[in-house]
Amino acid sequence: MTFIIVAIAGVALVAVGYLFVRGRSGDVRRENASEPGALPPMSAREIGRRHIDQALDRLYPTQREYRFGLSAKPGEDEAPLAEIVAYRASTPVPHWHYITYGLSELGEKTS
């Protein structure tokens, strides 16, 4: 699993999207999709996002995350990035940790 971590100025994030916070208890489990009433299997893209989220949950188990969703420009099918997440980190020195979803392919390789 490959993902890219990019640090950018926090000011730029406010201009590109909206802020929301993901609850840690909101993890949807789909391993038992064959059971009656179970959700369908996850797509490769959902699996990629889930692996990134799980890695971040291990790094920041008690931290609140800030998620910025992005919208496509008028006339375009997709936004340039799927999402940006930020965590306030204190070690080794105080800083913000920004993670982008979508600079690399989250699921199956298409290019």
PDB file of N, CA and C in Angstrom:
ATOM      1  N   MET A   1       0.847  -1.170   0.000  1.00  0.00           N
ATOM      2  CA  MET A   1       0.000   0.000   0.000  1.00  0.00           C
ATOM      3  C   MET A   1       0.895   1.236   0.000  1.00  0.00           C
ATOM      4  N   THR A   2       0.705   2.105  -0.951  1.00  0.00           N
ATOM      5  CA  THR A   2       1.489   3.325  -1.061  1.00  0.00           C
ATOM      6  C   THR A   2       0.588   4.518  -0.859  1.00  0.00           C
ATOM      7  N   PHE A   3       1.042   5.463  -0.063  1.00  0.00           N
ATOM      8  CA  PHE A   3       0.338   6.725   0.008  1.00  0.00           C
ATOM      9  C   PHE A   3       1.355   7.831   0.161  1.00  0.00           C
ATOM     10  N   ILE A   4       0.945   9.027  -0.182  1.00  0.00           N
ATOM     11  CA  ILE A   4       1.838  10.175  -0.196  1.00  0.00           C
ATOM     12  C   ILE A   4       1.406  11.144   0.891  1.00  0.00           C
ATOM     13  N   ILE A   5       2.362  11.642   1.649  1.00  0.00           N
ATOM     14  CA  ILE A   5       2.087  12.646   2.668  1.00  0.00           C
ATOM     15  C   ILE A   5       2.697  13.957   2.192  1.00  0.00           C
ATOM     16  N   VAL A   6       1.885  14.986   2.181  1.00  0.00           N
ATOM     17  CA  VAL A   6       2.328  16.276   1.677  1.00  0.00           C
ATOM     18  C   VAL A   6       2.054  17.340   2.726  1.00  0.00           C
ATOM     19  N   ALA A   7       3.019  18.167   3.009  1.00  0.00           N
ATOM     20  CA  ALA A   7       2.826  19.296   3.918  1.00  0.00           C
ATOM     21  C   ALA A   7       2.588  20.548   3.095  1.00  0.00           C
ATOM     22  N   ILE A   8       1.504  21.253   3.399  1.00  0.00           N
ATOM     23  CA  ILE A   8       1.201  22.506   2.723  1.00  0.00           C
ATOM     24  C   ILE A   8       0.730  23.518   3.749  1.00  0.00           C
ATOM     25  N   ALA A   9       0.668  24.766   3.354  1.00  0.00           N
ATOM     26  CA  ALA A   9       0.252  25.828   4.268  1.00  0.00           C
ATOM     27  C   ALA A   9      -1.209  25.645   4.642  1.00  0.00           C
ATOM     28  N   GLY A  10      -1.518  25.746   5.926  1.00  0.00           N
ATOM     29  CA  GLY A  10      -2.878  25.577   6.407  1.00  0.00           C
ATOM     30  C   GLY A  10      -3.849  26.576   5.823  1.00  0.00           C
ATOM     31  N   VAL A  11      -3.375  27.747   5.486  1.00  0.00           N
ATOM     32  CA  VAL A  11      -4.237  28.783   4.921  1.00  0.00           C
ATOM     33  C   VAL A  11      -4.842  28.324   3.605  1.00  0.00           C
ATOM     34  N   ALA A  12      -4.088  27.593   2.805  1.00  0.00           N
ATOM     35  CA  ALA A  12      -4.580  27.143   1.504  1.00  0.00           C
ATOM     36  C   ALA A  12      -5.752  26.177   1.649  1.00  0.00           C
ATOM     37  N   LEU A  13      -5.813  25.437   2.741  1.00  0.00           N
ATOM     38  CA  LEU A  13      -6.874  24.456   2.913  1.00  0.00           C
ATOM     39  C   LEU A  13      -8.240  25.098   3.073  1.00  0.00           C
ATOM     40  N   VAL A  14      -8.297  26.228   3.735  1.00  0.00           N
ATOM     41  CA  VAL A  14      -9.572  26.890   3.969  1.00  0.00           C
ATOM     42  C   VAL A  14     -10.218  27.273   2.649  1.00  0.00           C
ATOM     43  N   ALA A  15      -9.422  27.619   1.668  1.00  0.00           N
ATOM     44  CA  ALA A  15      -9.949  28.070   0.390  1.00  0.00           C
ATOM     45  C   ALA A  15     -10.441  26.933  -0.495  1.00  0.00           C
ATOM     46  N   VAL A  16     -10.019  25.703  -0.258  1.00  0.00           N
ATOM     47  CA  VAL A  16     -10.332  24.630  -1.197  1.00  0.00           C
ATOM     48  C   VAL A  16     -11.510  23.761  -0.795  1.00  0.00           C
ATOM     49  N   GLY A  17     -12.007  23.864   0.408  1.00  0.00           N
ATOM     50  CA  GLY A  17     -13.079  22.945   0.747  1.00  0.00           C
ATOM     51  C   GLY A  17     -13.788  23.295   2.026  1.00  0.00           C
ATOM     52  N   TYR A  18     -14.436  22.292   2.590  1.00  0.00           N
ATOM     53  CA  TYR A  18     -15.183  22.459   3.818  1.00  0.00           C
ATOM     54  C   TYR A  18     -14.572  21.565   4.880  1.00  0.00           C
ATOM     55  N   LEU A  19     -14.799  21.917   6.129  1.00  0.00           N
ATOM     56  CA  LEU A  19     -14.201  21.201   7.249  1.00  0.00           C
ATOM     57  C   LEU A  19     -15.226  20.260   7.871  1.00  0.00           C
ATOM     58  N   PHE A  20     -14.810  19.041   8.157  1.00  0.00           N
ATOM     59  CA  PHE A  20     -15.649  18.149   8.942  1.00  0.00           C
ATOM     60  C   PHE A  20     -14.753  17.219   9.736  1.00  0.00           C
ATOM     61  N   VAL A  21     -15.295  16.632  10.765  1.00  0.00           N
ATOM     62  CA  VAL A  21     -14.528  15.771  11.659  1.00  0.00           C
ATOM     63  C   VAL A  21     -15.127  14.371  11.616  1.00  0.00           C
ATOM     64  N   ARG A  22     -14.290  13.370  11.407  1.00  0.00           N
ATOM     65  CA  ARG A  22     -14.740  11.972  11.360  1.00  0.00           C
ATOM     66  C   ARG A  22     -14.696  11.393  12.766  1.00  0.00           C
ATOM     67  N   GLY A  23     -15.759  10.754  13.183  1.00  0.00           N
ATOM     68  CA  GLY A  23     -15.786  10.088  14.475  1.00  0.00           C
ATOM     69  C   GLY A  23     -15.061   8.757  14.404  1.00  0.00           C
ATOM     70  N   ARG A  24     -14.273   8.427  15.402  1.00  0.00           N
ATOM     71  CA  ARG A  24     -13.514   7.180  15.393  1.00  0.00           C
ATOM     72  C   ARG A  24     -14.433   5.962  15.517  1.00  0.00           C
ATOM     73  N   SER A  25     -15.601   6.137  16.093  1.00  0.00           N
ATOM     74  CA  SER A  25     -16.506   4.997  16.232  1.00  0.00           C
ATOM     75  C   SER A  25     -17.292   4.744  14.952  1.00  0.00           C
ATOM     76  N   GLY A  26     -17.123   5.561  13.924  1.00  0.00           N
ATOM     77  CA  GLY A  26     -17.882   5.432  12.692  1.00  0.00           C
ATOM     78  C   GLY A  26     -17.293   4.467  11.685  1.00  0.00           C
ATOM     79  N   ASP A  27     -16.354   3.626  12.087  1.00  0.00           N
ATOM     80  CA  ASP A  27     -15.735   2.669  11.168  1.00  0.00           C
ATOM     81  C   ASP A  27     -16.763   1.623  10.745  1.00  0.00           C
ATOM     82  N   VAL A  28     -16.997   1.488   9.461  1.00  0.00           N
ATOM     83  CA  VAL A  28     -17.958   0.520   8.935  1.00  0.00           C
ATOM     84  C   VAL A  28     -17.224  -0.768   8.609  1.00  0.00           C
ATOM     85  N   ARG A  29     -17.662  -1.842   9.179  1.00  0.00           N
ATOM     86  CA  ARG A  29     -17.015  -3.127   8.946  1.00  0.00           C
ATOM     87  C   ARG A  29     -17.777  -3.888   7.871  1.00  0.00           C
ATOM     88  N   ARG A  30     -17.038  -4.389   6.884  1.00  0.00           N
ATOM     89  CA  ARG A  30     -17.678  -5.109   5.790  1.00  0.00           C
ATOM     90  C   ARG A  30     -17.040  -6.474   5.553  1.00  0.00           C
ATOM     91  N   GLU A  31     -16.310  -6.999   6.486  1.00  0.00           N
ATOM     92  CA  GLU A  31     -15.627  -8.274   6.269  1.00  0.00           C
ATOM     93  C   GLU A  31     -16.611  -9.428   6.057  1.00  0.00           C
ATOM     94  N   ASN A  32     -17.758  -9.402   6.725  1.00  0.00           N
ATOM     95  CA  ASN A  32     -18.714 -10.508   6.661  1.00  0.00           C
ATOM     96  C   ASN A  32     -19.843 -10.195   5.687  1.00  0.00           C
ATOM     97  N   ALA A  33     -19.487  -9.824   4.463  1.00  0.00           N
ATOM     98  CA  ALA A  33     -20.480  -9.399   3.478  1.00  0.00           C
ATOM     99  C   ALA A  33     -21.402 -10.530   3.039  1.00  0.00           C
ATOM    100  N   SER A  34     -21.054 -11.778   3.333  1.00  0.00           N
ATOM    101  CA  SER A  34     -21.916 -12.891   2.927  1.00  0.00           C
ATOM    102  C   SER A  34     -23.069 -13.106   3.907  1.00  0.00           C
ATOM    103  N   GLU A  35     -23.028 -12.476   5.074  1.00  0.00           N
ATOM    104  CA  GLU A  35     -24.101 -12.630   6.051  1.00  0.00           C
ATOM    105  C   GLU A  35     -25.336 -11.858   5.593  1.00  0.00           C
ATOM    106  N   PRO A  36     -26.539 -12.334   5.950  1.00  0.00           N
ATOM    107  CA  PRO A  36     -27.755 -11.611   5.587  1.00  0.00           C
ATOM    108  C   PRO A  36     -27.736 -10.188   6.149  1.00  0.00           C
ATOM    109  N   GLY A  37     -28.096  -9.227   5.318  1.00  0.00           N
ATOM    110  CA  GLY A  37     -28.132  -7.836   5.748  1.00  0.00           C
ATOM    111  C   GLY A  37     -26.780  -7.151   5.782  1.00  0.00           C
ATOM    112  N   ALA A  38     -25.721  -7.862   5.415  1.00  0.00           N
ATOM    113  CA  ALA A  38     -24.382  -7.266   5.430  1.00  0.00           C
ATOM    114  C   ALA A  38     -24.210  -6.330   4.244  1.00  0.00           C
ATOM    115  N   LEU A  39     -23.316  -5.386   4.385  1.00  0.00           N
ATOM    116  CA  LEU A  39     -23.013  -4.454   3.305  1.00  0.00           C
ATOM    117  C   LEU A  39     -22.213  -5.159   2.217  1.00  0.00           C
ATOM    118  N   PRO A  40     -22.267  -4.669   0.986  1.00  0.00           N
ATOM    119  CA  PRO A  40     -21.485  -5.290  -0.092  1.00  0.00           C
ATOM    120  C   PRO A  40     -19.989  -5.125   0.154  1.00  0.00           C
ATOM    121  N   PRO A  41     -19.166  -5.940  -0.507  1.00  0.00           N
ATOM    122  CA  PRO A  41     -17.713  -5.819  -0.335  1.00  0.00           C
ATOM    123  C   PRO A  41     -17.229  -4.420  -0.708  1.00  0.00           C
ATOM    124  N   MET A  42     -16.157  -3.992  -0.061  1.00  0.00           N
ATOM    125  CA  MET A  42     -15.599  -2.670  -0.341  1.00  0.00           C
ATOM    126  C   MET A  42     -14.885  -2.666  -1.680  1.00  0.00           C
ATOM    127  N   SER A  43     -14.910  -1.521  -2.341  1.00  0.00           N
ATOM    128  CA  SER A  43     -14.159  -1.355  -3.583  1.00  0.00           C
ATOM    129  C   SER A  43     -12.682  -1.189  -3.248  1.00  0.00           C
ATOM    130  N   ALA A  44     -11.830  -1.308  -4.247  1.00  0.00           N
ATOM    131  CA  ALA A  44     -10.391  -1.114  -4.043  1.00  0.00           C
ATOM    132  C   ALA A  44     -10.125   0.286  -3.504  1.00  0.00           C
ATOM    133  N   ARG A  45     -10.863   1.285  -3.972  1.00  0.00           N
ATOM    134  CA  ARG A  45     -10.688   2.660  -3.497  1.00  0.00           C
ATOM    135  C   ARG A  45     -11.026   2.770  -2.009  1.00  0.00           C
ATOM    136  N   GLU A  46     -12.134   2.136  -1.586  1.00  0.00           N
ATOM    137  CA  GLU A  46     -12.516   2.167  -0.173  1.00  0.00           C
ATOM    138  C   GLU A  46     -11.475   1.459   0.690  1.00  0.00           C
ATOM    139  N   ILE A  47     -10.930   0.359   0.181  1.00  0.00           N
ATOM    140  CA  ILE A  47      -9.900  -0.370   0.923  1.00  0.00           C
ATOM    141  C   ILE A  47      -8.658   0.504   1.081  1.00  0.00           C
ATOM    142  N   GLY A  48      -8.257   1.210   0.020  1.00  0.00           N
ATOM    143  CA  GLY A  48      -7.104   2.106   0.097  1.00  0.00           C
ATOM    144  C   GLY A  48      -7.299   3.195   1.135  1.00  0.00           C
ATOM    145  N   ARG A  49      -8.455   3.828   1.131  1.00  0.00           N
ATOM    146  CA  ARG A  49      -8.762   4.865   2.123  1.00  0.00           C
ATOM    147  C   ARG A  49      -8.750   4.283   3.531  1.00  0.00           C
ATOM    148  N   ARG A  50      -9.320   3.084   3.674  1.00  0.00           N
ATOM    149  CA  ARG A  50      -9.393   2.463   4.994  1.00  0.00           C
ATOM    150  C   ARG A  50      -7.998   2.190   5.553  1.00  0.00           C
ATOM    151  N   HIS A  51      -7.085   1.704   4.717  1.00  0.00           N
ATOM    152  CA  HIS A  51      -5.718   1.436   5.177  1.00  0.00           C
ATOM    153  C   HIS A  51      -5.028   2.723   5.616  1.00  0.00           C
ATOM    154  N   ILE A  52      -5.223   3.794   4.882  1.00  0.00           N
ATOM    155  CA  ILE A  52      -4.640   5.077   5.275  1.00  0.00           C
ATOM    156  C   ILE A  52      -5.242   5.521   6.602  1.00  0.00           C
ATOM    157  N   ASP A  53      -6.567   5.448   6.737  1.00  0.00           N
ATOM    158  CA  ASP A  53      -7.227   5.842   7.985  1.00  0.00           C
ATOM    159  C   ASP A  53      -6.747   5.007   9.168  1.00  0.00           C
ATOM    160  N   GLN A  54      -6.569   3.703   8.971  1.00  0.00           N
ATOM    161  CA  GLN A  54      -6.095   2.844  10.061  1.00  0.00           C
ATOM    162  C   GLN A  54      -4.675   3.214  10.485  1.00  0.00           C
ATOM    163  N   ALA A  55      -3.815   3.532   9.530  1.00  0.00           N
ATOM    164  CA  ALA A  55      -2.449   3.952   9.867  1.00  0.00           C
ATOM    165  C   ALA A  55      -2.479   5.252  10.666  1.00  0.00           C
ATOM    166  N   LEU A  56      -3.329   6.179  10.271  1.00  0.00           N
ATOM    167  CA  LEU A  56      -3.436   7.449  10.994  1.00  0.00           C
ATOM    168  C   LEU A  56      -4.044   7.252  12.379  1.00  0.00           C
ATOM    169  N   ASP A  57      -5.001   6.344  12.516  1.00  0.00           N
ATOM    170  CA  ASP A  57      -5.579   6.052  13.830  1.00  0.00           C
ATOM    171  C   ASP A  57      -4.524   5.501  14.784  1.00  0.00           C
ATOM    172  N   ARG A  58      -3.562   4.740  14.255  1.00  0.00           N
ATOM    173  CA  ARG A  58      -2.469   4.237  15.101  1.00  0.00           C
ATOM    174  C   ARG A  58      -1.522   5.368  15.504  1.00  0.00           C
ATOM    175  N   LEU A  59      -1.272   6.311  14.596  1.00  0.00           N
ATOM    176  CA  LEU A  59      -0.383   7.435  14.910  1.00  0.00           C
ATOM    177  C   LEU A  59      -1.018   8.435  15.867  1.00  0.00           C
ATOM    178  N   TYR A  60      -2.319   8.668  15.699  1.00  0.00           N
ATOM    179  CA  TYR A  60      -3.025   9.699  16.462  1.00  0.00           C
ATOM    180  C   TYR A  60      -4.281   9.112  17.109  1.00  0.00           C
ATOM    181  N   PRO A  61      -4.130   8.193  18.080  1.00  0.00           N
ATOM    182  CA  PRO A  61      -5.299   7.500  18.629  1.00  0.00           C
ATOM    183  C   PRO A  61      -6.273   8.398  19.387  1.00  0.00           C
ATOM    184  N   THR A  62      -5.811   9.493  19.949  1.00  0.00           N
ATOM    185  CA  THR A  62      -6.692  10.358  20.743  1.00  0.00           C
ATOM    186  C   THR A  62      -6.910  11.726  20.118  1.00  0.00           C
ATOM    187  N   GLN A  63      -6.341  11.959  18.973  1.00  0.00           N
ATOM    188  CA  GLN A  63      -6.419  13.285  18.346  1.00  0.00           C
ATOM    189  C   GLN A  63      -7.686  13.448  17.528  1.00  0.00           C
ATOM    190  N   ARG A  64      -8.193  14.658  17.513  1.00  0.00           N
ATOM    191  CA  ARG A  64      -9.283  15.004  16.602  1.00  0.00           C
ATOM    192  C   ARG A  64      -8.660  15.323  15.253  1.00  0.00           C
ATOM    193  N   GLU A  65      -9.267  14.846  14.206  1.00  0.00           N
ATOM    194  CA  GLU A  65      -8.757  15.126  12.867  1.00  0.00           C
ATOM    195  C   GLU A  65      -9.625  16.192  12.214  1.00  0.00           C
ATOM    196  N   TYR A  66      -9.042  16.909  11.304  1.00  0.00           N
ATOM    197  CA  TYR A  66      -9.742  17.923  10.522  1.00  0.00           C
ATOM    198  C   TYR A  66      -9.729  17.452   9.077  1.00  0.00           C
ATOM    199  N   ARG A  67     -10.904  17.260   8.489  1.00  0.00           N
ATOM    200  CA  ARG A  67     -11.015  16.763   7.113  1.00  0.00           C
ATOM    201  C   ARG A  67     -11.579  17.860   6.234  1.00  0.00           C
ATOM    202  N   PHE A  68     -10.956  18.015   5.090  1.00  0.00           N
ATOM    203  CA  PHE A  68     -11.368  19.016   4.120  1.00  0.00           C
ATOM    204  C   PHE A  68     -11.761  18.299   2.837  1.00  0.00           C
ATOM    205  N   GLY A  69     -13.033  18.349   2.490  1.00  0.00           N
ATOM    206  CA  GLY A  69     -13.492  17.774   1.237  1.00  0.00           C
ATOM    207  C   GLY A  69     -13.319  18.785   0.121  1.00  0.00           C
ATOM    208  N   LEU A  70     -13.106  18.321  -1.065  1.00  0.00           N
ATOM    209  CA  LEU A  70     -12.919  19.200  -2.218  1.00  0.00           C
ATOM    210  C   LEU A  70     -13.995  18.937  -3.254  1.00  0.00           C
ATOM    211  N   SER A  71     -14.355  19.973  -3.972  1.00  0.00           N
ATOM    212  CA  SER A  71     -15.362  19.855  -5.026  1.00  0.00           C
ATOM    213  C   SER A  71     -14.714  20.076  -6.378  1.00  0.00           C
ATOM    214  N   ALA A  72     -15.286  19.447  -7.387  1.00  0.00           N
ATOM    215  CA  ALA A  72     -14.801  19.646  -8.758  1.00  0.00           C
ATOM    216  C   ALA A  72     -15.199  21.038  -9.237  1.00  0.00           C
ATOM    217  N   LYS A  73     -14.369  21.618 -10.096  1.00  0.00           N
ATOM    218  CA  LYS A  73     -14.708  22.892 -10.721  1.00  0.00           C
ATOM    219  C   LYS A  73     -15.895  22.678 -11.656  1.00  0.00           C
ATOM    220  N   PRO A  74     -16.650  23.726 -11.927  1.00  0.00           N
ATOM    221  CA  PRO A  74     -17.737  23.582 -12.900  1.00  0.00           C
ATOM    222  C   PRO A  74     -17.190  23.070 -14.238  1.00  0.00           C
ATOM    223  N   GLY A  75     -17.851  22.063 -14.786  1.00  0.00           N
ATOM    224  CA  GLY A  75     -17.426  21.485 -16.055  1.00  0.00           C
ATOM    225  C   GLY A  75     -16.424  20.354 -15.930  1.00  0.00           C
ATOM    226  N   GLU A  76     -15.948  20.064 -14.716  1.00  0.00           N
ATOM    227  CA  GLU A  76     -15.005  18.963 -14.509  1.00  0.00           C
ATOM    228  C   GLU A  76     -15.702  17.822 -13.779  1.00  0.00           C
ATOM    229  N   ASP A  77     -15.241  16.602 -14.024  1.00  0.00           N
ATOM    230  CA  ASP A  77     -15.861  15.428 -13.412  1.00  0.00           C
ATOM    231  C   ASP A  77     -15.386  15.168 -11.987  1.00  0.00           C
ATOM    232  N   GLU A  78     -14.111  15.458 -11.707  1.00  0.00           N
ATOM    233  CA  GLU A  78     -13.543  15.139 -10.401  1.00  0.00           C
ATOM    234  C   GLU A  78     -12.770  16.322  -9.840  1.00  0.00           C
ATOM    235  N   ALA A  79     -12.700  16.379  -8.511  1.00  0.00           N
ATOM    236  CA  ALA A  79     -11.860  17.363  -7.836  1.00  0.00           C
ATOM    237  C   ALA A  79     -10.401  16.932  -7.990  1.00  0.00           C
ATOM    238  N   PRO A  80      -9.455  17.871  -7.877  1.00  0.00           N
ATOM    239  CA  PRO A  80      -8.047  17.502  -8.030  1.00  0.00           C
ATOM    240  C   PRO A  80      -7.555  16.529  -6.954  1.00  0.00           C
ATOM    241  N   LEU A  81      -8.142  16.574  -5.775  1.00  0.00           N
ATOM    242  CA  LEU A  81      -7.839  15.637  -4.693  1.00  0.00           C
ATOM    243  C   LEU A  81      -9.154  15.139  -4.118  1.00  0.00           C
ATOM    244  N   ALA A  82      -9.150  13.934  -3.600  1.00  0.00           N
ATOM    245  CA  ALA A  82     -10.360  13.398  -2.985  1.00  0.00           C
ATOM    246  C   ALA A  82     -10.638  14.084  -1.650  1.00  0.00           C
ATOM    247  N   GLU A  83      -9.569  14.331  -0.863  1.00  0.00           N
ATOM    248  CA  GLU A  83      -9.744  14.858   0.485  1.00  0.00           C
ATOM    249  C   GLU A  83      -8.383  15.225   1.063  1.00  0.00           C
ATOM    250  N   ILE A  84      -8.393  16.120   2.048  1.00  0.00           N
ATOM    251  CA  ILE A  84      -7.187  16.474   2.793  1.00  0.00           C
ATOM    252  C   ILE A  84      -7.520  16.338   4.274  1.00  0.00           C
ATOM    253  N   VAL A  85      -6.628  15.709   5.035  1.00  0.00           N
ATOM    254  CA  VAL A  85      -6.817  15.519   6.469  1.00  0.00           C
ATOM    255  C   VAL A  85      -5.640  16.170   7.183  1.00  0.00           C
ATOM    256  N   ALA A  86      -5.913  16.811   8.316  1.00  0.00           N
ATOM    257  CA  ALA A  86      -4.849  17.448   9.093  1.00  0.00           C
ATOM    258  C   ALA A  86      -4.942  17.007  10.554  1.00  0.00           C
ATOM    259  N   TYR A  87      -3.782  16.773  11.151  1.00  0.00           N
ATOM    260  CA  TYR A  87      -3.666  16.456  12.570  1.00  0.00           C
ATOM    261  C   TYR A  87      -2.683  17.434  13.194  1.00  0.00           C
ATOM    262  N   ARG A  88      -2.976  17.880  14.402  1.00  0.00           N
ATOM    263  CA  ARG A  88      -2.028  18.696  15.158  1.00  0.00           C
ATOM    264  C   ARG A  88      -1.097  17.724  15.880  1.00  0.00           C
ATOM    265  N   ALA A  89       0.193  17.796  15.593  1.00  0.00           N
ATOM    266  CA  ALA A  89       1.175  16.886  16.185  1.00  0.00           C
ATOM    267  C   ALA A  89       2.088  17.663  17.131  1.00  0.00           C
ATOM    268  N   SER A  90       2.576  16.996  18.161  1.00  0.00           N
ATOM    269  CA  SER A  90       3.432  17.673  19.136  1.00  0.00           C
ATOM    270  C   SER A  90       4.869  17.174  19.138  1.00  0.00           C
ATOM    271  N   THR A  91       5.140  16.029  18.510  1.00  0.00           N
ATOM    272  CA  THR A  91       6.505  15.515  18.503  1.00  0.00           C
ATOM    273  C   THR A  91       6.981  15.324  17.075  1.00  0.00           C
ATOM    274  N   PRO A  92       8.219  15.482  16.759  1.00  0.00           N
ATOM    275  CA  PRO A  92       9.311  15.862  17.648  1.00  0.00           C
ATOM    276  C   PRO A  92       9.248  17.331  18.052  1.00  0.00           C
ATOM    277  N   VAL A  93       8.598  18.162  17.259  1.00  0.00           N
ATOM    278  CA  VAL A  93       8.323  19.562  17.603  1.00  0.00           C
ATOM    279  C   VAL A  93       6.870  19.828  17.211  1.00  0.00           C
ATOM    280  N   PRO A  94       6.212  20.816  17.811  1.00  0.00           N
ATOM    281  CA  PRO A  94       4.825  21.094  17.427  1.00  0.00           C
ATOM    282  C   PRO A  94       4.711  21.424  15.932  1.00  0.00           C
ATOM    283  N   HIS A  95       3.763  20.762  15.257  1.00  0.00           N
ATOM    284  CA  HIS A  95       3.549  20.998  13.826  1.00  0.00           C
ATOM    285  C   HIS A  95       2.191  20.430  13.422  1.00  0.00           C
ATOM    286  N   TRP A  96       1.778  20.729  12.212  1.00  0.00           N
ATOM    287  CA  TRP A  96       0.573  20.137  11.631  1.00  0.00           C
ATOM    288  C   TRP A  96       1.000  19.061  10.646  1.00  0.00           C
ATOM    289  N   HIS A  97       0.304  17.938  10.644  1.00  0.00           N
ATOM    290  CA  HIS A  97       0.565  16.821   9.738  1.00  0.00           C
ATOM    291  C   HIS A  97      -0.602  16.783   8.751  1.00  0.00           C
ATOM    292  N   TYR A  98      -0.312  17.052   7.485  1.00  0.00           N
ATOM    293  CA  TYR A  98      -1.334  17.062   6.430  1.00  0.00           C
ATOM    294  C   TYR A  98      -1.203  15.799   5.582  1.00  0.00           C
ATOM    295  N   ILE A  99      -2.328  15.167   5.297  1.00  0.00           N
ATOM    296  CA  ILE A  99      -2.362  13.963   4.475  1.00  0.00           C
ATOM    297  C   ILE A  99      -3.350  14.209   3.342  1.00  0.00           C
ATOM    298  N   THR A 100      -2.935  13.897   2.129  1.00  0.00           N
ATOM    299  CA  THR A 100      -3.833  14.052   0.989  1.00  0.00           C
ATOM    300  C   THR A 100      -4.304  12.688   0.523  1.00  0.00           C
ATOM    301  N   TYR A 101      -5.543  12.626   0.108  1.00  0.00           N
ATOM    302  CA  TYR A 101      -6.114  11.421  -0.482  1.00  0.00           C
ATOM    303  C   TYR A 101      -6.323  11.723  -1.957  1.00  0.00           C
ATOM    304  N   GLY A 102      -5.636  11.002  -2.821  1.00  0.00           N
ATOM    305  CA  GLY A 102      -5.870  11.160  -4.240  1.00  0.00           C
ATOM    306  C   GLY A 102      -4.689  11.635  -5.059  1.00  0.00           C
ATOM    307  N   LEU A 103      -3.544  11.981  -4.446  1.00  0.00           N
ATOM    308  CA  LEU A 103      -2.356  12.295  -5.251  1.00  0.00           C
ATOM    309  C   LEU A 103      -1.861  11.028  -5.931  1.00  0.00           C
ATOM    310  N   SER A 104      -1.954   9.924  -5.215  1.00  0.00           N
ATOM    311  CA  SER A 104      -1.709   8.620  -5.835  1.00  0.00           C
ATOM    312  C   SER A 104      -3.070   7.930  -5.915  1.00  0.00           C
ATOM    313  N   GLU A 105      -3.172   6.860  -6.655  1.00  0.00           N
ATOM    314  CA  GLU A 105      -4.451   6.177  -6.805  1.00  0.00           C
ATOM    315  C   GLU A 105      -4.793   5.439  -5.518  1.00  0.00           C
ATOM    316  N   LEU A 106      -6.000   5.660  -5.019  1.00  0.00           N
ATOM    317  CA  LEU A 106      -6.423   5.036  -3.775  1.00  0.00           C
ATOM    318  C   LEU A 106      -6.804   3.574  -3.963  1.00  0.00           C
ATOM    319  N   GLY A 107      -7.139   3.190  -5.155  1.00  0.00           N
ATOM    320  CA  GLY A 107      -7.559   1.816  -5.423  1.00  0.00           C
ATOM    321  C   GLY A 107      -6.687   1.181  -6.472  1.00  0.00           C
ATOM    322  N   GLU A 108      -7.334   0.541  -7.425  1.00  0.00           N
ATOM    323  CA  GLU A 108      -6.608  -0.128  -8.502  1.00  0.00           C
ATOM    324  C   GLU A 108      -5.923   0.891  -9.401  1.00  0.00           C
ATOM    325  N   LYS A 109      -4.766   0.533  -9.926  1.00  0.00           N
ATOM    326  CA  LYS A 109      -4.013   1.422 -10.807  1.00  0.00           C
ATOM    327  C   LYS A 109      -4.772   1.597 -12.116  1.00  0.00           C
ATOM    328  N   THR A 110      -4.959   2.866 -12.526  1.00  0.00           N
ATOM    329  CA  THR A 110      -5.705   3.148 -13.754  1.00  0.00           C
ATOM    330  C   THR A 110      -4.883   3.898 -14.785  1.00  0.00           C
ATOM    331  N   SER A 111      -3.693   4.320 -14.437  1.00  0.00           N
ATOM    332  CA  SER A 111      -2.875   5.051 -15.421  1.00  0.00           C
ATOM    333  C   SER A 111      -1.539   4.368 -15.634  1.00  0.00           C
TER     334      SER A 111
END
